[in-house]
Amino acid sequence: MASSPSLWDLLVGAFALMLVVEGLLPFISPTKWRGVFERAMRMTDGQIRFIGLSSMLAGLAMLYFFLS
């Protein structure tokens, strides 16, 4: 019988998957990635914080609904 993965195994796996997803756009289309990065550089701190907060809340909601 296989044992269930530990919390650290899950966290490392989630981090690895995040790196794969984050690397897709620069690998597939470096020009578009550069454009996204340039637009992000023109954003205010408040706009960047709002995007970060929205991303965290969406992730927490996904965890809550899909893992409970």
N, C-alpha and C. Protein backbone atom coordinates (compact mmCIF):
# COMPACT_ATOMS: atom_id res chain seq x y z
N MET A 1 0.83 -1.17 0.00
CA MET A 1 0.00 0.00 0.00
C MET A 1 0.89 1.25 0.00
N ALA A 2 0.59 2.19 -0.89
CA ALA A 2 1.39 3.40 -1.01
C ALA A 2 1.02 4.39 0.08
N SER A 3 2.04 5.03 0.63
CA SER A 3 1.77 6.03 1.66
C SER A 3 1.40 7.36 0.99
N SER A 4 0.65 8.17 1.71
CA SER A 4 0.27 9.46 1.15
C SER A 4 1.46 10.41 1.24
N PRO A 5 1.54 11.37 0.30
CA PRO A 5 2.67 12.30 0.32
C PRO A 5 2.60 13.24 1.52
N SER A 6 3.77 13.64 1.99
CA SER A 6 3.82 14.58 3.12
C SER A 6 3.50 15.99 2.63
N LEU A 7 3.29 16.88 3.57
CA LEU A 7 3.01 18.27 3.23
C LEU A 7 4.17 18.87 2.44
N TRP A 8 5.40 18.56 2.82
CA TRP A 8 6.56 19.10 2.10
C TRP A 8 6.61 18.59 0.68
N ASP A 9 6.26 17.32 0.48
CA ASP A 9 6.21 16.78 -0.88
C ASP A 9 5.20 17.54 -1.74
N LEU A 10 4.04 17.83 -1.16
CA LEU A 10 3.01 18.58 -1.88
C LEU A 10 3.45 20.01 -2.18
N LEU A 11 4.09 20.66 -1.20
CA LEU A 11 4.56 22.03 -1.41
C LEU A 11 5.63 22.11 -2.48
N VAL A 12 6.57 21.17 -2.45
CA VAL A 12 7.62 21.16 -3.46
C VAL A 12 7.01 20.87 -4.84
N GLY A 13 6.06 19.95 -4.89
CA GLY A 13 5.39 19.66 -6.16
C GLY A 13 4.62 20.86 -6.68
N ALA A 14 3.93 21.58 -5.80
CA ALA A 14 3.18 22.77 -6.21
C ALA A 14 4.13 23.86 -6.69
N PHE A 15 5.25 24.03 -6.00
CA PHE A 15 6.24 25.03 -6.41
C PHE A 15 6.83 24.68 -7.78
N ALA A 16 7.13 23.41 -7.98
CA ALA A 16 7.67 22.96 -9.26
C ALA A 16 6.67 23.21 -10.39
N LEU A 17 5.40 22.92 -10.14
CA LEU A 17 4.37 23.15 -11.15
C LEU A 17 4.22 24.64 -11.44
N MET A 18 4.32 25.48 -10.41
CA MET A 18 4.25 26.92 -10.61
C MET A 18 5.39 27.40 -11.51
N LEU A 19 6.60 26.85 -11.29
CA LEU A 19 7.74 27.23 -12.13
C LEU A 19 7.53 26.82 -13.59
N VAL A 20 6.94 25.66 -13.80
CA VAL A 20 6.66 25.21 -15.16
C VAL A 20 5.67 26.16 -15.83
N VAL A 21 4.58 26.49 -15.13
CA VAL A 21 3.56 27.38 -15.69
C VAL A 21 4.14 28.77 -15.94
N GLU A 22 4.92 29.29 -14.99
CA GLU A 22 5.52 30.61 -15.14
C GLU A 22 6.52 30.65 -16.30
N GLY A 23 7.13 29.53 -16.62
CA GLY A 23 8.11 29.50 -17.69
C GLY A 23 7.53 29.31 -19.07
N LEU A 24 6.25 29.01 -19.16
CA LEU A 24 5.64 28.76 -20.47
C LEU A 24 5.68 29.97 -21.40
N LEU A 25 5.21 31.13 -20.94
CA LEU A 25 5.14 32.30 -21.81
C LEU A 25 6.52 32.75 -22.29
N PRO A 26 7.53 32.89 -21.41
CA PRO A 26 8.84 33.30 -21.95
C PRO A 26 9.43 32.26 -22.90
N PHE A 27 9.11 30.99 -22.72
CA PHE A 27 9.64 29.96 -23.62
C PHE A 27 8.92 29.99 -24.96
N ILE A 28 7.59 30.10 -24.93
CA ILE A 28 6.80 30.04 -26.17
C ILE A 28 6.89 31.35 -26.95
N SER A 29 6.82 32.47 -26.24
CA SER A 29 6.81 33.77 -26.92
C SER A 29 7.57 34.82 -26.11
N PRO A 30 8.88 34.86 -26.28
CA PRO A 30 9.67 35.82 -25.51
C PRO A 30 9.29 37.28 -25.80
N THR A 31 8.86 37.57 -27.02
CA THR A 31 8.48 38.94 -27.37
C THR A 31 7.25 39.38 -26.58
N LYS A 32 6.24 38.53 -26.52
CA LYS A 32 5.05 38.86 -25.74
C LYS A 32 5.38 38.97 -24.26
N TRP A 33 6.23 38.07 -23.75
CA TRP A 33 6.62 38.12 -22.34
C TRP A 33 7.30 39.45 -22.03
N ARG A 34 8.17 39.88 -22.93
CA ARG A 34 8.87 41.17 -22.73
C ARG A 34 7.86 42.31 -22.70
N GLY A 35 6.84 42.26 -23.56
CA GLY A 35 5.80 43.29 -23.56
C GLY A 35 5.02 43.30 -22.26
N VAL A 36 4.67 42.12 -21.76
CA VAL A 36 3.97 42.03 -20.47
C VAL A 36 4.84 42.61 -19.37
N PHE A 37 6.11 42.28 -19.38
CA PHE A 37 7.02 42.78 -18.35
C PHE A 37 7.16 44.30 -18.42
N GLU A 38 7.24 44.84 -19.65
CA GLU A 38 7.35 46.29 -19.81
C GLU A 38 6.10 47.00 -19.31
N ARG A 39 4.91 46.42 -19.57
CA ARG A 39 3.68 47.01 -19.05
C ARG A 39 3.64 46.94 -17.52
N ALA A 40 4.13 45.85 -16.96
CA ALA A 40 4.16 45.72 -15.51
C ALA A 40 5.09 46.77 -14.89
N MET A 41 6.16 47.11 -15.57
CA MET A 41 7.09 48.12 -15.06
C MET A 41 6.46 49.50 -15.01
N ARG A 42 5.45 49.75 -15.84
CA ARG A 42 4.78 51.05 -15.85
C ARG A 42 3.64 51.14 -14.84
N MET A 43 3.31 50.04 -14.17
CA MET A 43 2.22 50.04 -13.19
C MET A 43 2.68 50.69 -11.89
N THR A 44 1.69 51.24 -11.19
CA THR A 44 1.99 51.82 -9.88
C THR A 44 2.10 50.67 -8.85
N ASP A 45 2.66 51.01 -7.70
CA ASP A 45 2.76 50.01 -6.62
C ASP A 45 1.38 49.50 -6.21
N GLY A 46 0.41 50.40 -6.16
CA GLY A 46 -0.94 50.01 -5.78
C GLY A 46 -1.55 49.02 -6.76
N GLN A 47 -1.33 49.23 -8.05
CA GLN A 47 -1.85 48.31 -9.06
C GLN A 47 -1.20 46.93 -8.92
N ILE A 48 0.10 46.91 -8.69
CA ILE A 48 0.81 45.64 -8.53
C ILE A 48 0.34 44.92 -7.28
N ARG A 49 0.15 45.67 -6.19
CA ARG A 49 -0.36 45.05 -4.95
C ARG A 49 -1.75 44.47 -5.16
N PHE A 50 -2.62 45.19 -5.90
CA PHE A 50 -3.96 44.69 -6.16
C PHE A 50 -3.91 43.39 -6.97
N ILE A 51 -3.05 43.32 -7.95
CA ILE A 51 -2.91 42.09 -8.74
C ILE A 51 -2.42 40.95 -7.85
N GLY A 52 -1.44 41.24 -6.99
CA GLY A 52 -0.93 40.22 -6.07
C GLY A 52 -2.00 39.75 -5.10
N LEU A 53 -2.77 40.68 -4.54
CA LEU A 53 -3.84 40.32 -3.62
C LEU A 53 -4.91 39.49 -4.34
N SER A 54 -5.28 39.91 -5.54
CA SER A 54 -6.28 39.16 -6.31
C SER A 54 -5.80 37.75 -6.61
N SER A 55 -4.54 37.62 -6.94
CA SER A 55 -3.97 36.30 -7.23
C SER A 55 -3.99 35.41 -5.99
N MET A 56 -3.61 35.97 -4.86
CA MET A 56 -3.61 35.19 -3.61
C MET A 56 -5.03 34.76 -3.23
N LEU A 57 -5.99 35.67 -3.36
CA LEU A 57 -7.37 35.34 -3.02
C LEU A 57 -7.94 34.28 -3.96
N ALA A 58 -7.62 34.38 -5.25
CA ALA A 58 -8.08 33.37 -6.20
C ALA A 58 -7.47 32.01 -5.87
N GLY A 59 -6.19 31.99 -5.52
CA GLY A 59 -5.54 30.74 -5.14
C GLY A 59 -6.15 30.14 -3.88
N LEU A 60 -6.42 30.97 -2.89
CA LEU A 60 -7.04 30.47 -1.67
C LEU A 60 -8.44 29.94 -1.94
N ALA A 61 -9.20 30.63 -2.78
CA ALA A 61 -10.54 30.16 -3.12
C ALA A 61 -10.48 28.82 -3.84
N MET A 62 -9.53 28.67 -4.75
CA MET A 62 -9.37 27.40 -5.46
C MET A 62 -9.01 26.29 -4.48
N LEU A 63 -8.09 26.56 -3.58
CA LEU A 63 -7.74 25.55 -2.58
C LEU A 63 -8.93 25.17 -1.74
N TYR A 64 -9.71 26.16 -1.31
CA TYR A 64 -10.85 25.89 -0.47
C TYR A 64 -11.91 25.03 -1.18
N PHE A 65 -12.25 25.42 -2.41
CA PHE A 65 -13.32 24.73 -3.12
C PHE A 65 -12.91 23.37 -3.68
N PHE A 66 -11.65 23.23 -4.08
CA PHE A 66 -11.23 21.98 -4.71
C PHE A 66 -10.64 20.96 -3.72
N LEU A 67 -10.21 21.42 -2.56
CA LEU A 67 -9.60 20.50 -1.60
C LEU A 67 -10.48 20.23 -0.39
N SER A 68 -11.62 20.86 -0.32
CA SER A 68 -12.49 20.60 0.83
C SER A 68 -13.66 19.73 0.46
